[in-house]
């Protein structure tokens, strides 16, 4: 890995800028596998990784050196830590865009649903809305264009596709992703009162389980 740019974000965080999402995930794996005392959080995004730390325990200069060493190949990326947990989400493939999206991709709607169901997903990063996880999978072969005109209302629990990502809406919001399904009733993706508010935190493994209509 090369081309990392490390920028200060106040006195308690550094922002590592890299080339793409694959580089973000590789850097996060290396840092998670060699995490020193004083690191408070690793927050990935599409092309950046925010490293929050306690400067009383880990000085900024030491944190920067650690990040740059990992970006240059230091640390253990071959055996990254296992995800904190695996989350299984019940889903009905009843989304309003399922048929049109399948046609756009040149597959049958059922084949698209099964490809989505059978892929082993993980949360690359979160954003857009509290609790919204951007899911990626090495087994997912499609690059799905967003809707030409975003919806003004997407219901909570809707599951969509955009680019190489899948994601589930934790609350009602506007959105331009192509909706292919709905989470099982009662699924809570974000609870502001919980100790860990987001069900789908970065690094979490996600599997979809199809449920009856």
N, C-alpha and C. Protein backbone atom coordinates (compact mmCIF):
# COMPACT_ATOMS: atom_id res chain seq x y z
N UNK A 1 0.86 -1.19 0.00
CA UNK A 1 0.00 0.00 0.00
C UNK A 1 0.89 1.23 0.00
N UNK A 2 0.52 2.25 -0.75
CA UNK A 2 1.31 3.48 -0.78
C UNK A 2 0.37 4.64 -1.05
N UNK A 3 0.91 5.86 -1.00
CA UNK A 3 0.13 7.03 -1.33
C UNK A 3 -0.75 7.52 -0.21
N UNK A 4 -0.50 7.12 1.03
CA UNK A 4 -1.30 7.61 2.14
C UNK A 4 -0.89 9.04 2.47
N UNK A 5 -1.87 9.84 2.80
CA UNK A 5 -1.64 11.22 3.24
C UNK A 5 -2.31 11.37 4.59
N UNK A 6 -1.53 11.73 5.60
CA UNK A 6 -2.03 11.81 6.97
C UNK A 6 -2.18 13.28 7.36
N UNK A 7 -3.39 13.67 7.73
CA UNK A 7 -3.70 15.06 8.06
C UNK A 7 -4.18 15.16 9.50
N UNK A 8 -3.79 16.21 10.21
CA UNK A 8 -4.31 16.40 11.58
C UNK A 8 -5.77 16.82 11.56
N UNK A 9 -6.55 16.30 12.49
CA UNK A 9 -7.95 16.68 12.67
C UNK A 9 -8.11 17.10 14.13
N UNK A 10 -7.66 18.30 14.46
CA UNK A 10 -7.64 18.73 15.84
C UNK A 10 -6.48 18.06 16.58
N UNK A 11 -6.59 17.97 17.90
CA UNK A 11 -5.52 17.41 18.71
C UNK A 11 -5.72 15.95 19.05
N UNK A 12 -6.87 15.37 18.67
CA UNK A 12 -7.20 14.02 19.11
C UNK A 12 -7.52 13.07 17.95
N UNK A 13 -7.18 13.45 16.73
CA UNK A 13 -7.48 12.58 15.59
C UNK A 13 -6.56 12.90 14.42
N UNK A 14 -6.33 11.89 13.60
CA UNK A 14 -5.62 12.03 12.34
C UNK A 14 -6.48 11.42 11.24
N UNK A 15 -6.43 12.01 10.06
CA UNK A 15 -7.19 11.52 8.91
C UNK A 15 -6.22 10.98 7.87
N UNK A 16 -6.34 9.69 7.57
CA UNK A 16 -5.51 9.07 6.54
C UNK A 16 -6.29 9.04 5.23
N UNK A 17 -5.77 9.69 4.21
CA UNK A 17 -6.38 9.69 2.89
C UNK A 17 -5.65 8.69 2.00
N UNK A 18 -6.42 7.80 1.33
CA UNK A 18 -5.85 6.80 0.44
C UNK A 18 -6.57 6.83 -0.89
N UNK A 19 -6.23 5.88 -1.78
CA UNK A 19 -6.71 5.96 -3.15
C UNK A 19 -8.15 5.51 -3.34
N UNK A 20 -8.58 4.49 -2.59
CA UNK A 20 -9.91 3.92 -2.83
C UNK A 20 -10.36 3.13 -1.62
N UNK A 21 -11.56 2.56 -1.72
CA UNK A 21 -12.14 1.83 -0.60
C UNK A 21 -11.32 0.59 -0.26
N UNK A 22 -10.79 -0.09 -1.26
CA UNK A 22 -9.98 -1.27 -0.99
C UNK A 22 -8.78 -0.91 -0.12
N UNK A 23 -8.16 0.24 -0.40
CA UNK A 23 -7.02 0.69 0.39
C UNK A 23 -7.45 1.07 1.81
N UNK A 24 -8.65 1.64 1.94
CA UNK A 24 -9.17 1.96 3.27
C UNK A 24 -9.32 0.68 4.10
N UNK A 25 -9.93 -0.35 3.51
CA UNK A 25 -10.18 -1.59 4.25
C UNK A 25 -8.87 -2.30 4.59
N UNK A 26 -7.90 -2.25 3.67
CA UNK A 26 -6.61 -2.87 3.95
C UNK A 26 -5.89 -2.14 5.08
N UNK A 27 -5.92 -0.81 5.05
CA UNK A 27 -5.27 -0.05 6.11
C UNK A 27 -5.97 -0.27 7.44
N UNK A 28 -7.29 -0.29 7.43
CA UNK A 28 -8.01 -0.53 8.68
C UNK A 28 -7.67 -1.89 9.26
N UNK A 29 -7.54 -2.91 8.40
CA UNK A 29 -7.19 -4.25 8.88
C UNK A 29 -5.82 -4.25 9.53
N UNK A 30 -4.86 -3.57 8.91
CA UNK A 30 -3.50 -3.51 9.48
C UNK A 30 -3.51 -2.76 10.81
N UNK A 31 -4.22 -1.66 10.87
CA UNK A 31 -4.24 -0.88 12.10
C UNK A 31 -4.97 -1.63 13.22
N UNK A 32 -6.08 -2.29 12.87
CA UNK A 32 -6.82 -3.04 13.88
C UNK A 32 -5.99 -4.19 14.44
N UNK A 33 -5.12 -4.77 13.59
CA UNK A 33 -4.31 -5.90 14.02
C UNK A 33 -3.11 -5.48 14.86
N UNK A 34 -2.78 -4.19 14.85
CA UNK A 34 -1.59 -3.72 15.59
C UNK A 34 -1.93 -2.53 16.48
N UNK A 35 -3.17 -2.45 16.90
CA UNK A 35 -3.70 -1.28 17.61
C UNK A 35 -3.00 -1.06 18.96
N UNK A 36 -2.34 0.07 19.14
CA UNK A 36 -1.67 0.34 20.42
C UNK A 36 -2.64 0.94 21.43
N UNK A 37 -2.21 0.98 22.67
CA UNK A 37 -2.99 1.66 23.69
C UNK A 37 -3.14 3.14 23.31
N UNK A 38 -4.29 3.69 23.62
CA UNK A 38 -4.54 5.10 23.34
C UNK A 38 -5.37 5.35 22.11
N UNK A 39 -5.58 4.32 21.26
CA UNK A 39 -6.42 4.49 20.07
C UNK A 39 -7.87 4.33 20.48
N UNK A 40 -8.67 5.37 20.26
CA UNK A 40 -10.07 5.36 20.69
C UNK A 40 -10.99 4.77 19.64
N UNK A 41 -10.71 5.03 18.36
CA UNK A 41 -11.63 4.57 17.33
C UNK A 41 -10.96 4.62 15.97
N UNK A 42 -11.41 3.75 15.07
CA UNK A 42 -11.03 3.76 13.66
C UNK A 42 -12.32 3.91 12.86
N UNK A 43 -12.44 5.02 12.14
CA UNK A 43 -13.71 5.33 11.45
C UNK A 43 -13.45 5.39 9.95
N UNK A 44 -13.78 4.33 9.21
CA UNK A 44 -13.54 4.32 7.77
C UNK A 44 -14.61 5.07 6.99
N UNK A 45 -14.23 5.54 5.82
CA UNK A 45 -15.16 6.10 4.84
C UNK A 45 -14.71 5.60 3.47
N UNK A 46 -15.25 6.18 2.41
CA UNK A 46 -14.98 5.64 1.08
C UNK A 46 -13.51 5.73 0.69
N UNK A 47 -12.82 6.82 1.09
CA UNK A 47 -11.42 6.99 0.73
C UNK A 47 -10.58 7.55 1.87
N UNK A 48 -11.12 7.53 3.07
CA UNK A 48 -10.40 8.04 4.23
C UNK A 48 -10.60 7.13 5.43
N UNK A 49 -9.68 7.25 6.38
CA UNK A 49 -9.80 6.53 7.65
C UNK A 49 -9.44 7.51 8.76
N UNK A 50 -10.41 7.79 9.63
CA UNK A 50 -10.19 8.67 10.76
C UNK A 50 -9.70 7.84 11.95
N UNK A 51 -8.57 8.24 12.51
CA UNK A 51 -7.99 7.57 13.66
C UNK A 51 -8.09 8.52 14.85
N UNK A 52 -8.97 8.17 15.80
CA UNK A 52 -9.12 8.97 17.01
C UNK A 52 -8.26 8.36 18.12
N UNK A 53 -7.59 9.22 18.89
CA UNK A 53 -6.68 8.73 19.91
C UNK A 53 -6.65 9.68 21.10
N UNK A 54 -6.13 9.17 22.20
CA UNK A 54 -5.94 9.96 23.42
C UNK A 54 -4.49 10.42 23.45
N UNK A 55 -4.22 11.70 23.22
CA UNK A 55 -2.83 12.17 23.15
C UNK A 55 -2.08 12.03 24.47
N UNK A 56 -2.78 11.82 25.57
CA UNK A 56 -2.10 11.60 26.85
C UNK A 56 -1.47 10.21 26.90
N UNK A 57 -2.02 9.29 26.09
CA UNK A 57 -1.51 7.92 26.05
C UNK A 57 -0.68 7.68 24.80
N UNK A 58 -1.16 8.17 23.68
CA UNK A 58 -0.49 7.98 22.40
C UNK A 58 -0.27 9.36 21.76
N UNK A 59 0.94 9.89 21.79
CA UNK A 59 1.20 11.20 21.19
C UNK A 59 0.88 11.20 19.70
N UNK A 60 0.54 12.37 19.18
CA UNK A 60 0.17 12.48 17.77
C UNK A 60 1.28 12.00 16.85
N UNK A 61 2.53 12.32 17.20
CA UNK A 61 3.65 11.91 16.35
C UNK A 61 3.75 10.39 16.29
N UNK A 62 3.52 9.73 17.43
CA UNK A 62 3.57 8.28 17.46
C UNK A 62 2.41 7.68 16.68
N UNK A 63 1.23 8.29 16.77
CA UNK A 63 0.08 7.82 16.01
C UNK A 63 0.34 7.95 14.51
N UNK A 64 0.92 9.05 14.10
CA UNK A 64 1.23 9.25 12.68
C UNK A 64 2.22 8.19 12.20
N UNK A 65 3.27 7.95 12.99
CA UNK A 65 4.26 6.94 12.60
C UNK A 65 3.64 5.57 12.47
N UNK A 66 2.75 5.24 13.41
CA UNK A 66 2.04 3.96 13.36
C UNK A 66 1.23 3.82 12.10
N UNK A 67 0.48 4.86 11.73
CA UNK A 67 -0.35 4.83 10.52
C UNK A 67 0.52 4.68 9.27
N UNK A 68 1.57 5.47 9.19
CA UNK A 68 2.43 5.43 8.00
C UNK A 68 3.15 4.09 7.89
N UNK A 69 3.53 3.51 9.02
CA UNK A 69 4.18 2.20 9.01
C UNK A 69 3.21 1.14 8.49
N UNK A 70 1.96 1.20 8.94
CA UNK A 70 0.96 0.24 8.45
C UNK A 70 0.70 0.43 6.96
N UNK A 71 0.65 1.67 6.52
CA UNK A 71 0.39 1.94 5.10
C UNK A 71 1.53 1.45 4.22
N UNK A 72 2.74 1.40 4.78
CA UNK A 72 3.90 0.92 4.02
C UNK A 72 4.08 -0.59 4.09
N UNK A 73 3.14 -1.27 4.73
CA UNK A 73 3.20 -2.72 4.78
C UNK A 73 3.48 -3.29 6.14
N UNK A 74 3.64 -2.44 7.15
CA UNK A 74 3.88 -2.94 8.49
C UNK A 74 2.60 -3.46 9.10
N UNK A 75 2.73 -4.23 10.15
CA UNK A 75 1.56 -4.83 10.78
C UNK A 75 1.19 -6.13 10.11
N UNK A 76 0.18 -6.76 10.60
CA UNK A 76 -0.23 -8.08 10.12
C UNK A 76 -1.56 -7.98 9.42
N UNK A 77 -1.52 -7.88 8.08
CA UNK A 77 -2.77 -7.84 7.30
C UNK A 77 -3.23 -9.23 6.89
N UNK A 78 -2.33 -10.22 7.01
CA UNK A 78 -2.70 -11.56 6.57
C UNK A 78 -3.71 -12.20 7.52
N UNK A 79 -3.64 -11.82 8.80
CA UNK A 79 -4.58 -12.38 9.78
C UNK A 79 -5.25 -11.26 10.54
N UNK A 80 -6.14 -10.50 9.86
CA UNK A 80 -6.83 -9.42 10.55
C UNK A 80 -7.77 -9.98 11.60
N UNK A 81 -8.11 -9.17 12.59
CA UNK A 81 -9.01 -9.67 13.62
C UNK A 81 -10.38 -10.01 13.04
N UNK A 82 -11.03 -11.00 13.64
CA UNK A 82 -12.38 -11.35 13.22
C UNK A 82 -13.35 -10.22 13.51
N UNK A 83 -14.42 -10.09 12.74
CA UNK A 83 -15.41 -9.06 13.06
C UNK A 83 -15.94 -9.23 14.47
N UNK A 84 -16.31 -8.11 15.07
CA UNK A 84 -16.82 -8.17 16.44
C UNK A 84 -18.03 -9.09 16.53
N UNK A 85 -18.83 -9.16 15.49
CA UNK A 85 -19.99 -10.04 15.50
C UNK A 85 -20.51 -10.20 14.07
N UNK A 86 -21.35 -11.18 13.90
CA UNK A 86 -22.05 -11.37 12.64
C UNK A 86 -23.53 -11.10 12.87
N UNK A 87 -24.11 -10.28 12.01
CA UNK A 87 -25.52 -9.93 12.10
C UNK A 87 -26.26 -10.58 10.93
N UNK A 88 -27.33 -11.29 11.23
CA UNK A 88 -28.18 -11.87 10.20
C UNK A 88 -29.47 -11.07 10.12
N UNK A 89 -29.79 -10.62 8.92
CA UNK A 89 -30.98 -9.78 8.70
C UNK A 89 -32.00 -10.53 7.86
N UNK A 90 -33.21 -10.67 8.39
CA UNK A 90 -34.29 -11.23 7.60
C UNK A 90 -34.75 -10.24 6.54
N UNK A 91 -34.99 -10.73 5.33
CA UNK A 91 -35.35 -9.85 4.22
C UNK A 91 -36.41 -10.51 3.35
N UNK A 92 -37.34 -9.68 2.86
CA UNK A 92 -38.27 -10.08 1.81
C UNK A 92 -37.85 -9.36 0.53
N UNK A 93 -37.70 -10.08 -0.55
CA UNK A 93 -37.30 -9.45 -1.81
C UNK A 93 -38.54 -8.96 -2.56
N UNK A 94 -39.06 -7.85 -2.06
CA UNK A 94 -40.30 -7.28 -2.58
C UNK A 94 -40.13 -5.81 -2.96
N UNK A 95 -38.90 -5.38 -3.15
CA UNK A 95 -38.65 -3.96 -3.43
C UNK A 95 -39.23 -3.51 -4.75
N UNK A 96 -39.64 -2.25 -4.83
CA UNK A 96 -40.26 -1.74 -6.06
C UNK A 96 -39.33 -1.67 -7.26
N UNK A 97 -38.01 -1.71 -7.01
CA UNK A 97 -37.06 -1.60 -8.12
C UNK A 97 -36.42 -2.93 -8.48
N UNK A 98 -36.85 -4.02 -7.85
CA UNK A 98 -36.17 -5.30 -8.08
C UNK A 98 -36.21 -5.71 -9.54
N UNK A 99 -37.40 -5.71 -10.15
CA UNK A 99 -37.52 -6.18 -11.53
C UNK A 99 -36.76 -5.28 -12.49
N UNK A 100 -36.91 -3.96 -12.32
CA UNK A 100 -36.25 -3.02 -13.24
C UNK A 100 -34.73 -3.08 -13.09
N UNK A 101 -34.26 -3.26 -11.87
CA UNK A 101 -32.81 -3.34 -11.65
C UNK A 101 -32.25 -4.62 -12.25
N UNK A 102 -32.96 -5.72 -12.06
CA UNK A 102 -32.52 -6.98 -12.66
C UNK A 102 -32.46 -6.86 -14.18
N UNK A 103 -33.47 -6.24 -14.78
CA UNK A 103 -33.48 -6.05 -16.23
C UNK A 103 -32.31 -5.19 -16.67
N UNK A 104 -32.01 -4.14 -15.90
CA UNK A 104 -30.89 -3.27 -16.20
C UNK A 104 -29.57 -4.03 -16.19
N UNK A 105 -29.46 -5.00 -15.29
CA UNK A 105 -28.22 -5.77 -15.14
C UNK A 105 -28.18 -7.01 -16.03
N UNK A 106 -29.29 -7.29 -16.69
CA UNK A 106 -29.33 -8.42 -17.60
C UNK A 106 -29.49 -9.77 -16.92
N UNK A 107 -30.16 -9.77 -15.76
CA UNK A 107 -30.41 -11.02 -15.04
C UNK A 107 -31.89 -11.10 -14.68
N UNK A 108 -32.32 -12.26 -14.25
CA UNK A 108 -33.69 -12.44 -13.79
C UNK A 108 -33.83 -11.86 -12.39
N UNK A 109 -35.01 -11.33 -12.03
CA UNK A 109 -35.20 -10.80 -10.67
C UNK A 109 -34.86 -11.81 -9.59
N UNK A 110 -35.24 -13.09 -9.81
CA UNK A 110 -34.95 -14.10 -8.80
C UNK A 110 -33.44 -14.33 -8.65
N UNK A 111 -32.73 -14.29 -9.76
CA UNK A 111 -31.28 -14.47 -9.71
C UNK A 111 -30.61 -13.32 -8.97
N UNK A 112 -31.11 -12.11 -9.18
CA UNK A 112 -30.55 -10.96 -8.47
C UNK A 112 -30.80 -11.10 -6.98
N UNK A 113 -32.00 -11.49 -6.61
CA UNK A 113 -32.33 -11.67 -5.20
C UNK A 113 -31.44 -12.74 -4.56
N UNK A 114 -31.25 -13.84 -5.24
CA UNK A 114 -30.44 -14.92 -4.68
C UNK A 114 -28.97 -14.53 -4.59
N UNK A 115 -28.47 -13.77 -5.56
CA UNK A 115 -27.09 -13.30 -5.48
C UNK A 115 -26.90 -12.40 -4.27
N UNK A 116 -27.88 -11.55 -4.02
CA UNK A 116 -27.81 -10.67 -2.86
C UNK A 116 -27.91 -11.47 -1.57
N UNK A 117 -28.82 -12.41 -1.52
CA UNK A 117 -29.02 -13.22 -0.31
C UNK A 117 -27.80 -14.07 0.02
N UNK A 118 -27.16 -14.63 -0.98
CA UNK A 118 -26.09 -15.60 -0.76
C UNK A 118 -24.72 -14.95 -0.55
N UNK A 119 -24.57 -13.67 -0.86
CA UNK A 119 -23.27 -13.01 -0.70
C UNK A 119 -22.94 -12.82 0.77
N UNK A 120 -21.68 -12.94 1.09
CA UNK A 120 -21.20 -12.65 2.44
C UNK A 120 -20.80 -11.17 2.48
N UNK A 121 -21.59 -10.36 3.16
CA UNK A 121 -21.41 -8.92 3.19
C UNK A 121 -20.65 -8.51 4.46
N UNK A 122 -20.06 -7.34 4.40
CA UNK A 122 -19.48 -6.73 5.60
C UNK A 122 -19.68 -5.22 5.52
N UNK A 123 -19.69 -4.57 6.66
CA UNK A 123 -19.89 -3.13 6.73
C UNK A 123 -18.55 -2.44 6.49
N UNK A 124 -18.43 -1.77 5.34
CA UNK A 124 -17.19 -1.06 5.03
C UNK A 124 -17.08 0.23 5.84
N UNK A 125 -18.19 0.97 5.90
CA UNK A 125 -18.23 2.21 6.67
C UNK A 125 -19.68 2.60 6.85
N UNK A 126 -19.91 3.60 7.66
CA UNK A 126 -21.27 4.09 7.90
C UNK A 126 -21.36 5.55 7.50
N UNK A 127 -22.58 6.01 7.28
CA UNK A 127 -22.77 7.40 6.90
C UNK A 127 -24.16 7.63 6.37
N UNK A 128 -24.37 8.79 5.77
CA UNK A 128 -25.64 9.20 5.17
C UNK A 128 -26.68 9.48 6.24
N UNK A 129 -26.97 8.48 7.08
CA UNK A 129 -27.91 8.64 8.19
C UNK A 129 -27.40 7.78 9.33
N UNK A 130 -27.69 8.13 10.57
CA UNK A 130 -27.24 7.31 11.71
C UNK A 130 -27.70 5.86 11.56
N UNK A 131 -26.73 4.94 11.62
CA UNK A 131 -27.06 3.53 11.52
C UNK A 131 -27.06 2.97 10.11
N UNK A 132 -26.79 3.80 9.10
CA UNK A 132 -26.78 3.32 7.71
C UNK A 132 -25.39 2.76 7.40
N UNK A 133 -25.31 1.45 7.18
CA UNK A 133 -24.05 0.81 6.87
C UNK A 133 -23.90 0.56 5.38
N UNK A 134 -22.74 0.90 4.84
CA UNK A 134 -22.42 0.63 3.44
C UNK A 134 -21.82 -0.77 3.37
N UNK A 135 -22.56 -1.71 2.80
CA UNK A 135 -22.17 -3.11 2.77
C UNK A 135 -21.44 -3.44 1.47
N UNK A 136 -20.36 -4.19 1.60
CA UNK A 136 -19.61 -4.65 0.43
C UNK A 136 -19.42 -6.15 0.52
N UNK A 137 -19.19 -6.79 -0.64
CA UNK A 137 -18.95 -8.22 -0.68
C UNK A 137 -18.09 -8.56 -1.88
N UNK A 138 -17.09 -9.41 -1.66
CA UNK A 138 -16.25 -9.86 -2.77
C UNK A 138 -17.05 -10.73 -3.74
N UNK A 139 -18.16 -11.29 -3.28
CA UNK A 139 -18.98 -12.16 -4.13
C UNK A 139 -20.03 -11.39 -4.93
N UNK A 140 -20.12 -10.07 -4.72
CA UNK A 140 -21.15 -9.28 -5.39
C UNK A 140 -20.59 -8.75 -6.71
N UNK A 141 -21.15 -9.17 -7.87
CA UNK A 141 -20.54 -8.83 -9.15
C UNK A 141 -21.06 -7.57 -9.82
N UNK A 142 -22.05 -6.90 -9.22
CA UNK A 142 -22.77 -5.86 -9.94
C UNK A 142 -22.35 -4.44 -9.52
N UNK A 143 -22.43 -3.54 -10.48
CA UNK A 143 -22.26 -2.11 -10.23
C UNK A 143 -23.58 -1.46 -10.65
N UNK A 144 -24.34 -1.03 -9.67
CA UNK A 144 -25.74 -0.63 -9.90
C UNK A 144 -25.86 0.89 -9.90
N UNK A 145 -26.31 1.49 -11.00
CA UNK A 145 -26.48 2.94 -11.01
C UNK A 145 -27.62 3.39 -10.11
N UNK A 146 -27.47 4.54 -9.52
CA UNK A 146 -28.53 5.10 -8.69
C UNK A 146 -29.73 5.49 -9.57
N UNK A 147 -30.85 5.74 -8.93
CA UNK A 147 -32.02 6.23 -9.64
C UNK A 147 -31.72 7.59 -10.25
N UNK A 148 -32.30 7.86 -11.42
CA UNK A 148 -32.12 9.17 -12.05
C UNK A 148 -32.70 10.28 -11.19
N UNK A 149 -33.82 9.99 -10.54
CA UNK A 149 -34.46 10.97 -9.66
C UNK A 149 -34.67 10.33 -8.30
N UNK A 150 -33.99 10.79 -7.25
CA UNK A 150 -34.15 10.18 -5.93
C UNK A 150 -35.59 10.28 -5.43
N UNK A 151 -36.00 9.31 -4.64
CA UNK A 151 -37.30 9.36 -4.01
C UNK A 151 -37.29 10.39 -2.88
N UNK A 152 -38.41 11.02 -2.67
CA UNK A 152 -38.53 11.95 -1.55
C UNK A 152 -38.77 11.20 -0.24
N UNK A 153 -39.20 9.94 -0.34
CA UNK A 153 -39.48 9.15 0.87
C UNK A 153 -39.13 7.70 0.63
N UNK A 154 -38.17 7.21 1.40
CA UNK A 154 -37.84 5.79 1.43
C UNK A 154 -38.18 5.29 2.83
N UNK A 155 -38.98 4.25 2.96
CA UNK A 155 -39.39 3.81 4.31
C UNK A 155 -38.25 3.14 5.07
N UNK A 156 -38.32 3.20 6.37
CA UNK A 156 -37.37 2.48 7.22
C UNK A 156 -37.44 0.99 6.91
N UNK A 157 -36.29 0.36 6.86
CA UNK A 157 -36.22 -1.07 6.58
C UNK A 157 -36.06 -1.42 5.12
N UNK A 158 -36.15 -0.44 4.22
CA UNK A 158 -35.95 -0.72 2.81
C UNK A 158 -34.48 -1.07 2.56
N UNK A 159 -34.24 -2.05 1.70
CA UNK A 159 -32.89 -2.49 1.36
C UNK A 159 -32.62 -2.12 -0.09
N UNK A 160 -31.51 -1.44 -0.32
CA UNK A 160 -31.23 -0.93 -1.65
C UNK A 160 -29.84 -1.27 -2.15
N UNK A 161 -29.63 -0.92 -3.43
CA UNK A 161 -28.35 -1.10 -4.10
C UNK A 161 -27.93 0.21 -4.74
N UNK A 162 -26.63 0.48 -4.71
CA UNK A 162 -26.06 1.64 -5.41
C UNK A 162 -24.58 1.40 -5.60
N UNK A 163 -24.10 1.49 -6.85
CA UNK A 163 -22.71 1.19 -7.11
C UNK A 163 -22.41 -0.25 -6.72
N UNK A 164 -21.33 -0.44 -5.98
CA UNK A 164 -20.97 -1.78 -5.50
C UNK A 164 -21.54 -2.07 -4.12
N UNK A 165 -22.36 -1.17 -3.59
CA UNK A 165 -22.84 -1.27 -2.22
C UNK A 165 -24.28 -1.78 -2.13
N UNK A 166 -24.57 -2.37 -0.97
CA UNK A 166 -25.94 -2.58 -0.54
C UNK A 166 -26.10 -1.88 0.80
N UNK A 167 -27.34 -1.58 1.17
CA UNK A 167 -27.56 -0.91 2.44
C UNK A 167 -29.03 -0.95 2.81
N UNK A 168 -29.30 -0.81 4.11
CA UNK A 168 -30.67 -0.81 4.62
C UNK A 168 -30.92 0.52 5.32
N UNK A 169 -32.06 1.13 5.03
CA UNK A 169 -32.40 2.43 5.59
C UNK A 169 -32.89 2.26 7.03
N UNK A 170 -32.20 2.89 8.00
CA UNK A 170 -32.62 2.74 9.39
C UNK A 170 -33.85 3.56 9.76
N UNK A 171 -34.17 4.56 8.97
CA UNK A 171 -35.34 5.39 9.23
C UNK A 171 -35.85 5.95 7.92
N UNK A 172 -37.06 6.49 7.94
CA UNK A 172 -37.62 7.09 6.73
C UNK A 172 -36.80 8.31 6.33
N UNK A 173 -36.43 8.37 5.05
CA UNK A 173 -35.58 9.45 4.57
C UNK A 173 -35.65 9.50 3.05
N UNK A 174 -35.31 10.61 2.42
CA UNK A 174 -35.15 10.59 0.97
C UNK A 174 -33.99 9.68 0.58
N UNK A 175 -33.97 9.22 -0.65
CA UNK A 175 -32.87 8.36 -1.08
C UNK A 175 -32.94 8.00 -2.54
N UNK A 176 -31.76 7.76 -3.13
CA UNK A 176 -31.69 7.45 -4.55
C UNK A 176 -31.22 6.05 -4.87
N UNK A 177 -31.16 5.18 -3.84
CA UNK A 177 -30.74 3.81 -4.11
C UNK A 177 -31.90 3.01 -4.69
N UNK A 178 -31.57 1.97 -5.44
CA UNK A 178 -32.59 1.11 -6.05
C UNK A 178 -33.04 0.07 -5.01
N UNK A 179 -34.31 0.09 -4.70
CA UNK A 179 -34.84 -0.72 -3.60
C UNK A 179 -35.23 -2.10 -4.10
N UNK A 180 -34.63 -3.13 -3.47
CA UNK A 180 -34.89 -4.51 -3.90
C UNK A 180 -35.59 -5.34 -2.83
N UNK A 181 -35.67 -4.84 -1.61
CA UNK A 181 -36.28 -5.65 -0.56
C UNK A 181 -36.62 -4.85 0.67
N UNK A 182 -37.15 -5.56 1.67
CA UNK A 182 -37.58 -4.96 2.93
C UNK A 182 -37.12 -5.85 4.08
N UNK A 183 -36.54 -5.25 5.11
CA UNK A 183 -36.13 -6.03 6.27
C UNK A 183 -37.33 -6.57 7.02
N UNK A 184 -37.12 -7.66 7.72
CA UNK A 184 -38.14 -8.27 8.54
C UNK A 184 -38.67 -7.27 9.56
N UNK A 185 -39.97 -7.28 9.79
CA UNK A 185 -40.59 -6.35 10.74
C UNK A 185 -39.93 -6.48 12.11
N UNK A 186 -39.71 -5.35 12.74
CA UNK A 186 -39.11 -5.34 14.06
C UNK A 186 -37.61 -5.18 14.07
N UNK A 187 -36.96 -5.17 12.90
CA UNK A 187 -35.50 -4.99 12.84
C UNK A 187 -35.15 -3.55 13.19
N UNK A 188 -34.30 -3.36 14.18
CA UNK A 188 -33.87 -2.02 14.61
C UNK A 188 -32.41 -1.85 14.23
N UNK A 189 -32.14 -0.94 13.32
CA UNK A 189 -30.78 -0.70 12.86
C UNK A 189 -30.06 0.36 13.69
N UNK A 190 -30.83 1.23 14.33
CA UNK A 190 -30.20 2.29 15.13
C UNK A 190 -31.07 2.58 16.34
N UNK A 191 -30.44 2.52 17.52
CA UNK A 191 -31.12 2.82 18.77
C UNK A 191 -30.23 3.79 19.55
N UNK A 192 -30.63 5.04 19.56
CA UNK A 192 -29.82 6.07 20.19
C UNK A 192 -29.61 5.88 21.67
N UNK A 193 -30.44 5.08 22.32
CA UNK A 193 -30.33 4.86 23.76
C UNK A 193 -29.47 3.64 24.10
N UNK A 194 -29.08 2.87 23.09
CA UNK A 194 -28.29 1.67 23.34
C UNK A 194 -26.83 2.01 23.57
N UNK A 195 -26.12 1.10 24.23
CA UNK A 195 -24.68 1.31 24.46
C UNK A 195 -23.93 1.38 23.15
N UNK A 196 -24.32 0.52 22.19
CA UNK A 196 -23.79 0.57 20.83
C UNK A 196 -24.97 0.87 19.91
N UNK A 197 -25.19 2.15 19.59
CA UNK A 197 -26.43 2.53 18.89
C UNK A 197 -26.63 1.88 17.52
N UNK A 198 -25.55 1.72 16.75
CA UNK A 198 -25.68 1.20 15.39
C UNK A 198 -25.53 -0.32 15.38
N UNK A 199 -26.52 -1.02 14.85
CA UNK A 199 -26.42 -2.47 14.72
C UNK A 199 -25.32 -2.86 13.74
N UNK A 200 -25.17 -2.07 12.68
CA UNK A 200 -24.20 -2.39 11.63
C UNK A 200 -23.01 -1.44 11.74
N UNK A 201 -22.10 -1.77 12.65
CA UNK A 201 -20.88 -0.98 12.83
C UNK A 201 -19.84 -1.42 11.80
N UNK A 202 -18.89 -0.54 11.44
CA UNK A 202 -17.83 -0.94 10.49
C UNK A 202 -17.13 -2.22 10.94
N UNK A 203 -16.91 -3.11 9.99
CA UNK A 203 -16.26 -4.37 10.26
C UNK A 203 -17.20 -5.51 10.58
N UNK A 204 -18.47 -5.21 10.83
CA UNK A 204 -19.45 -6.25 11.15
C UNK A 204 -19.75 -7.09 9.90
N UNK A 205 -19.78 -8.40 10.06
CA UNK A 205 -20.19 -9.29 8.98
C UNK A 205 -21.71 -9.34 8.94
N UNK A 206 -22.26 -9.34 7.73
CA UNK A 206 -23.72 -9.31 7.56
C UNK A 206 -24.13 -10.40 6.58
N UNK A 207 -25.12 -11.19 6.98
CA UNK A 207 -25.74 -12.16 6.09
C UNK A 207 -27.23 -11.87 6.01
N UNK A 208 -27.81 -12.09 4.85
CA UNK A 208 -29.24 -11.92 4.65
C UNK A 208 -29.93 -13.29 4.63
N UNK A 209 -31.05 -13.37 5.32
CA UNK A 209 -31.85 -14.59 5.39
C UNK A 209 -33.24 -14.26 4.84
N UNK A 210 -33.62 -14.94 3.76
CA UNK A 210 -34.90 -14.64 3.14
C UNK A 210 -36.04 -15.17 3.99
N UNK A 211 -37.05 -14.34 4.19
CA UNK A 211 -38.21 -14.72 4.98
C UNK A 211 -39.44 -14.74 4.07
N UNK A 212 -40.49 -15.39 4.55
CA UNK A 212 -41.71 -15.53 3.76
C UNK A 212 -42.40 -14.19 3.62
N UNK A 213 -43.20 -14.09 2.59
CA UNK A 213 -43.96 -12.87 2.36
C UNK A 213 -44.89 -12.61 3.54
